[in-house]
Amino acid sequence: MGLRSVLLRTSDHSFAAVTEIAVAEISAHQVTETFQRWPRLGAAVLWAASRDEAMVVEHLVNLGRRDALQRTAHLLVELGLRLEFVGLGTASGFTCPLNQYLLADALGLTAIHVNRVLRALRERNLVTVRGGEVVFHDLAGVRALSDYYGGYLDQIDESEH
């Protein structure tokens, strides 16, 4: 799945859906033909792929330079902004189907550690994650804690948040 697996012979990673998804098979020939026919669409896909690469780089920084508390706060802020951008969240929170095991996997932590970190975030009155909902009590505080700079998302004016 993904553009790289269309353009390369094999995929170098796997996917698992945590919600219902729809998948369509598209050949490399169809992709090339579509981009020739609609170059602006090709440019948009290139932009999206570049943004995805920037997010991967930011996630590497997250793993290597931030402690568990900062890392978790950063991920929650990023998810919130990305969901807000597509109309599925607000500055006050969002629905999140990720359980502590999935969050742990994404953060390079154990589920027990994620549980402790989420409790610490809640006790600091910054954010609560419970029952599939993320509620920001102090978004500015969460951003400051995580040293969040979302310029890599290239989607909104950061001064709005």
Protein backbone atom coordinates (compact mmCIF):
# COMPACT_ATOMS: atom_id res chain seq x y z
CA MET A 1 0.00 0.00 0.00
CA GLY A 2 1.12 3.50 -0.64
CA LEU A 3 2.80 5.30 -3.53
CA ARG A 4 6.19 3.66 -3.01
CA SER A 5 4.73 0.18 -3.40
CA VAL A 6 3.18 1.26 -6.71
CA LEU A 7 6.43 2.69 -8.04
CA LEU A 8 8.82 0.12 -6.56
CA ARG A 9 8.68 -3.63 -7.03
CA THR A 10 7.98 -4.45 -3.40
CA SER A 11 6.73 -2.68 -0.30
CA ASP A 12 9.26 -2.24 2.51
CA HIS A 13 6.65 -2.08 5.25
CA SER A 14 3.25 -3.37 6.27
CA PHE A 15 -0.02 -1.78 7.34
CA ALA A 16 -2.72 -2.61 9.84
CA ALA A 17 -6.08 -0.82 9.94
CA VAL A 18 -7.50 0.22 13.30
CA THR A 19 -10.76 1.41 11.73
CA GLU A 20 -12.71 0.37 8.65
CA ILE A 21 -10.91 1.24 5.40
CA ALA A 22 -11.45 0.93 1.67
CA VAL A 23 -8.57 -0.20 -0.54
CA ALA A 24 -8.25 0.01 -4.31
CA GLU A 25 -5.50 -1.48 -6.44
CA ILE A 26 -3.80 0.93 -8.86
CA SER A 27 -1.05 -0.13 -11.23
CA ALA A 28 2.14 1.85 -11.85
CA HIS A 29 0.95 2.31 -15.45
CA GLN A 30 -2.32 3.87 -14.24
CA VAL A 31 -0.44 6.21 -11.92
CA THR A 32 1.94 7.34 -14.66
CA GLU A 33 -0.86 7.80 -17.16
CA THR A 34 -2.95 9.78 -14.67
CA PHE A 35 -0.06 12.10 -13.80
CA GLN A 36 0.64 12.73 -17.50
CA ARG A 37 -3.01 13.52 -18.10
CA TRP A 38 -3.42 15.68 -14.97
CA PRO A 39 -0.03 17.13 -13.98
CA ARG A 40 -1.54 19.18 -11.13
CA LEU A 41 -2.76 15.96 -9.56
CA GLY A 42 0.77 14.58 -9.87
CA ALA A 43 2.12 17.71 -8.15
CA ALA A 44 -0.45 17.32 -5.35
CA VAL A 45 0.56 13.70 -4.80
CA LEU A 46 4.23 14.73 -4.78
CA TRP A 47 3.41 17.39 -2.17
CA ALA A 48 1.58 14.78 -0.05
CA ALA A 49 4.49 12.35 -0.34
CA SER A 50 6.93 15.10 0.68
CA ARG A 51 4.79 15.94 3.70
CA ASP A 52 4.65 12.26 4.64
CA GLU A 53 8.45 12.10 4.48
CA ALA A 54 8.69 15.20 6.68
CA MET A 55 6.40 13.51 9.24
CA VAL A 56 8.62 10.41 9.24
CA VAL A 57 11.66 12.61 9.94
CA GLU A 58 9.80 14.35 12.78
CA HIS A 59 8.82 10.98 14.24
CA LEU A 60 12.48 9.91 14.17
CA VAL A 61 13.36 13.07 16.09
CA ASN A 62 10.52 12.25 18.47
CA LEU A 63 11.99 8.80 19.18
CA GLY A 64 15.57 9.97 19.48
CA ARG A 65 15.39 13.30 21.25
CA ARG A 66 12.22 13.50 23.33
CA ASP A 67 11.46 11.72 26.57
CA ALA A 68 8.30 9.64 26.93
CA LEU A 69 6.19 12.54 28.22
CA GLN A 70 7.27 14.91 25.45
CA ARG A 71 6.97 12.18 22.82
CA THR A 72 3.40 11.32 23.79
CA ALA A 73 2.34 14.96 24.03
CA HIS A 74 3.88 15.64 20.62
CA LEU A 75 2.03 12.75 18.99
CA LEU A 76 -1.30 13.81 20.48
CA VAL A 77 -0.84 17.40 19.28
CA GLU A 78 0.12 16.22 15.79
CA LEU A 79 -2.83 13.86 15.54
CA GLY A 80 -5.13 16.63 16.73
CA LEU A 81 -3.89 19.10 14.14
CA ARG A 82 -4.05 16.57 11.32
CA LEU A 83 -7.61 15.58 12.26
CA GLU A 84 -8.64 19.21 12.66
CA PHE A 85 -7.32 19.91 9.17
CA VAL A 86 -9.72 17.34 7.68
CA GLY A 87 -12.65 18.33 9.88
CA LEU A 88 -12.49 15.38 12.29
CA GLY A 89 -11.19 17.21 15.35
CA THR A 90 -11.02 20.60 17.02
CA ALA A 91 -8.49 22.50 19.10
CA SER A 92 -10.23 21.01 22.15
CA GLY A 93 -9.85 17.37 21.12
CA PHE A 94 -10.68 14.46 18.85
CA THR A 95 -11.91 10.89 18.70
CA CYS A 96 -9.01 8.45 18.85
CA PRO A 97 -9.39 4.73 18.12
CA LEU A 98 -5.84 4.00 19.31
CA ASN A 99 -5.60 2.02 22.54
CA GLN A 100 -2.57 2.16 24.84
CA TYR A 101 -0.93 -0.80 23.09
CA LEU A 102 -1.13 0.91 19.69
CA LEU A 103 0.07 4.21 21.16
CA ALA A 104 2.95 2.36 22.79
CA ASP A 105 3.90 0.79 19.47
CA ALA A 106 3.83 4.18 17.72
CA LEU A 107 5.86 5.82 20.49
CA GLY A 108 8.46 3.11 21.03
CA LEU A 109 7.29 2.59 24.61
CA THR A 110 5.60 -0.14 26.61
CA ALA A 111 1.86 0.01 27.24
CA ILE A 112 2.55 0.32 30.97
CA HIS A 113 4.81 3.33 30.34
CA VAL A 114 2.16 4.93 28.10
CA ASN A 115 -0.39 4.43 30.90
CA ARG A 116 1.90 6.29 33.32
CA VAL A 117 2.57 9.07 30.83
CA LEU A 118 -1.12 9.57 30.07
CA ARG A 119 -1.81 9.73 33.82
CA ALA A 120 0.95 12.36 34.21
CA LEU A 121 -0.53 14.43 31.36
CA ARG A 122 -3.97 14.19 32.97
CA GLU A 123 -2.62 15.09 36.45
CA ARG A 124 -0.91 18.16 34.98
CA ASN A 125 -4.34 19.10 33.59
CA LEU A 126 -2.96 19.19 30.05
CA VAL A 127 -4.80 16.41 28.23
CA THR A 128 -7.04 13.44 29.02
CA VAL A 129 -7.14 10.29 26.89
CA ARG A 130 -10.04 8.08 27.88
CA GLY A 131 -12.74 6.01 26.20
CA GLY A 132 -11.53 6.69 22.67
CA GLU A 133 -11.47 10.46 23.19
CA VAL A 134 -8.58 12.90 23.50
CA VAL A 135 -9.49 16.11 25.32
CA PHE A 136 -7.02 18.99 25.43
CA HIS A 137 -7.42 21.00 28.64
CA ASP A 138 -4.42 23.24 27.86
CA LEU A 139 -3.34 22.87 24.24
CA ALA A 140 -0.73 25.63 24.55
CA GLY A 141 0.72 23.83 27.57
CA VAL A 142 0.84 20.49 25.73
CA ARG A 143 2.56 22.16 22.79
CA ALA A 144 5.09 23.83 25.07
CA LEU A 145 5.80 20.60 26.93
CA SER A 146 6.41 18.68 23.71
CA ASP A 147 8.37 21.50 22.04
CA TYR A 148 5.89 21.14 19.21
CA TYR A 149 6.55 22.94 15.97
CA GLY A 150 4.15 21.81 13.27
CA GLY A 151 5.73 23.51 10.27
CA TYR A 152 6.56 20.08 8.88
CA LEU A 153 2.82 19.48 8.43
CA ASP A 154 2.66 22.40 5.98
CA GLN A 155 -1.07 22.80 6.41
CA ILE A 156 -2.11 25.67 8.66
CA ASP A 157 -0.89 28.93 10.07
CA GLU A 158 0.79 27.95 13.34
CA SER A 159 -0.23 31.27 14.94
CA GLU A 160 -3.84 30.05 14.90
CA HIS A 161 -3.03 27.64 17.72
